[in-house]
Protein backbone atom coordinates (compact mmCIF):
# COMPACT_ATOMS: atom_id res chain seq x y z
CA MET A 1 118.59 87.20 94.92
CA TYR A 2 121.79 89.59 95.00
CA ALA A 3 123.60 86.57 93.82
CA VAL A 4 121.38 86.00 90.87
CA ILE A 5 121.33 89.83 89.53
CA THR A 6 125.04 89.97 90.14
CA ARG A 7 125.96 87.08 88.19
CA THR A 8 123.44 87.74 85.57
CA LEU A 9 124.86 91.39 85.25
CA ARG A 10 128.46 89.85 85.12
CA GLU A 11 128.12 87.34 82.74
CA ALA A 12 126.33 90.01 80.20
CA GLY A 13 129.52 92.18 80.58
CA LEU A 14 128.01 94.64 82.73
CA ARG A 15 129.17 96.39 86.00
CA VAL A 16 127.10 95.73 89.15
CA THR A 17 126.35 99.15 90.22
CA PRO A 18 124.69 100.58 93.26
CA GLN A 19 122.05 102.32 91.05
CA ARG A 20 121.33 99.03 89.21
CA MET A 21 121.05 97.07 92.35
CA ALA A 22 118.95 99.66 93.82
CA ILE A 23 116.67 99.74 90.66
CA TYR A 24 116.16 96.10 90.96
CA LEU A 25 115.67 95.87 94.48
CA THR A 26 113.01 98.43 94.07
CA LEU A 27 110.97 96.08 91.77
CA VAL A 28 111.51 93.15 94.03
CA LYS A 29 110.43 94.81 96.95
CA THR A 30 106.75 95.90 95.63
CA LYS A 31 103.86 93.97 94.17
CA ALA A 32 102.68 97.42 92.52
CA HIS A 33 104.25 96.88 89.19
CA PRO A 34 105.46 100.48 88.91
CA CYS A 35 106.53 102.32 85.94
CA ALA A 36 110.07 103.62 85.28
CA GLU A 37 109.06 107.14 86.35
CA LEU A 38 107.86 105.60 89.88
CA VAL A 39 110.92 103.90 90.04
CA TYR A 40 113.13 106.91 89.37
CA GLN A 41 110.66 108.81 92.31
CA GLU A 42 111.50 106.34 94.62
CA LEU A 43 115.27 106.27 94.26
CA HIS A 44 116.15 109.92 93.15
CA HIS A 45 116.65 110.92 96.82
CA ASP A 46 119.15 108.35 97.53
CA PHE A 47 120.74 108.68 94.07
CA PRO A 48 120.43 112.42 93.23
CA SER A 49 122.70 111.90 90.17
CA LEU A 50 120.41 109.04 88.89
CA SER A 51 118.47 110.22 85.48
CA LEU A 52 115.29 108.97 84.38
CA ASN A 53 117.11 107.94 81.22
CA THR A 54 119.32 105.62 83.16
CA VAL A 55 116.20 103.90 84.82
CA TYR A 56 114.69 103.38 81.55
CA ASN A 57 118.32 102.04 80.11
CA THR A 58 118.59 99.78 82.89
CA LEU A 59 114.81 98.44 82.97
CA GLN A 60 115.65 97.40 79.19
CA ILE A 61 118.92 95.76 80.20
CA PHE A 62 116.96 93.94 82.88
CA GLU A 63 114.11 92.86 80.78
CA GLU A 64 116.65 91.61 78.02
CA LEU A 65 118.52 89.36 80.64
CA GLY A 66 115.17 87.97 81.72
CA LEU A 67 115.45 89.66 85.14
CA VAL A 68 112.17 91.52 84.95
CA ARG A 69 109.18 91.39 82.97
CA ARG A 70 107.83 94.63 81.07
CA LEU A 71 103.91 94.90 81.03
CA ASP A 72 101.94 97.10 78.58
CA THR A 73 98.62 97.27 80.21
CA GLY A 74 97.53 100.07 77.45
CA GLU A 75 97.85 103.13 79.76
CA GLY A 76 100.24 104.55 77.36
CA MET A 77 103.61 103.53 79.75
CA CYS A 78 104.97 100.25 80.71
CA ARG A 79 105.19 98.93 84.26
CA TYR A 80 107.65 96.32 85.44
CA ASP A 81 107.52 93.23 87.33
CA ALA A 82 110.65 91.19 89.30
CA ASN A 83 108.88 87.94 88.56
CA PRO A 84 109.63 87.29 84.88
CA SER A 85 108.13 84.04 84.58
CA PRO A 86 105.24 83.46 82.87
CA HIS A 87 101.88 84.27 84.95
CA MET A 88 98.72 86.39 84.78
CA HIS A 89 97.92 89.78 85.99
CA PHE A 90 94.71 91.62 86.63
CA VAL A 91 94.13 95.32 85.57
CA CYS A 92 91.43 97.44 87.37
CA LYS A 93 89.68 99.67 84.93
CA VAL A 94 88.86 101.98 87.39
CA CYS A 95 92.06 102.75 89.57
CA GLY A 96 94.60 101.28 87.33
CA ARG A 97 96.26 99.08 89.84
CA VAL A 98 97.90 95.97 88.40
CA LEU A 99 97.83 92.80 90.30
CA ASP A 100 99.45 89.41 90.03
CA ILE A 101 96.80 86.59 89.76
CA GLU A 102 97.53 83.64 92.31
CA TYR A 103 96.43 80.86 90.01
CA ASP A 104 99.06 78.50 88.19
CA GLY A 105 97.59 79.24 84.88
CA THR A 106 100.38 77.87 83.21
CA THR A 107 98.73 74.58 82.24
CA THR A 108 96.17 76.85 80.56
CA LEU A 109 98.35 79.34 79.00
CA ALA A 110 100.70 76.12 77.82
CA GLY A 111 97.70 74.72 76.11
CA ILE A 112 97.03 77.87 74.35
CA ARG A 113 100.71 78.06 73.27
CA GLU A 114 100.67 74.19 72.20
CA HIS A 115 97.20 74.96 70.22
CA VAL A 116 98.66 78.07 68.58
CA GLN A 117 101.87 76.09 67.41
CA ALA A 118 100.05 72.96 66.24
CA SER A 119 97.35 74.59 64.30
CA SER A 120 99.50 77.71 62.72
CA GLY A 121 103.54 76.51 63.12
CA HIS A 122 104.12 79.45 65.26
CA VAL A 123 106.75 79.17 67.53
CA ILE A 124 105.76 80.76 70.84
CA CYS A 125 108.52 81.59 73.34
CA ASP A 126 106.92 83.68 76.23
CA TYR A 127 103.49 84.43 77.02
CA SER A 128 101.47 86.70 79.32
CA LEU A 129 97.95 86.89 80.28
CA LEU A 130 96.31 90.56 81.32
CA LEU A 131 93.09 90.45 82.79
CA TYR A 132 91.01 93.62 82.84
CA GLY A 133 87.99 94.22 85.28
CA TYR A 134 87.13 96.01 88.43
CA CYS A 135 89.28 95.20 91.67
CA ASN A 136 87.49 94.31 94.97
CA ALA A 137 88.22 97.70 96.24
CA CYS A 138 86.56 99.94 93.45
CA VAL A 139 83.61 97.43 93.35
CA ARG A 140 83.00 97.98 97.33
CA LYS A 141 83.62 101.95 96.68
CA ALA A 142 80.87 101.79 93.70
CA ASN A 143 78.51 99.58 95.68
CA SER A 144 79.00 101.58 98.95
CA PRO A 145 76.06 104.04 100.13
CA LYS A 146 76.72 107.53 99.42
């Protein structure tokens, strides 16, 4: 993991700084799909000179380099995922949690991509699927006796 980000940054002509490494590792160690503000809050204590703007810029660089995936879940903010490969996410409409779906939907998504390309001529280079509903914790809470 360290070797991949180090090599990727250096090949892009960018320095490998402790702040960049910390931002990346913060994303790698969680499945919560945090927004930039949460990454900043997580790291500000250890890096007092770190600015929110630096976090935003770093996440944008990481996205452009293919190290992370940006998710727009319709909340008015973007979340980030250290798994940049095409995969599905579930967004709870009650608590807002974003969860990875442990289903290899690449066959289905690739089929959709091929259909769109064949029927329209559009060339699709990436795809993601966001599923919206109610997570099991919110369903249990709603169904529990008061």
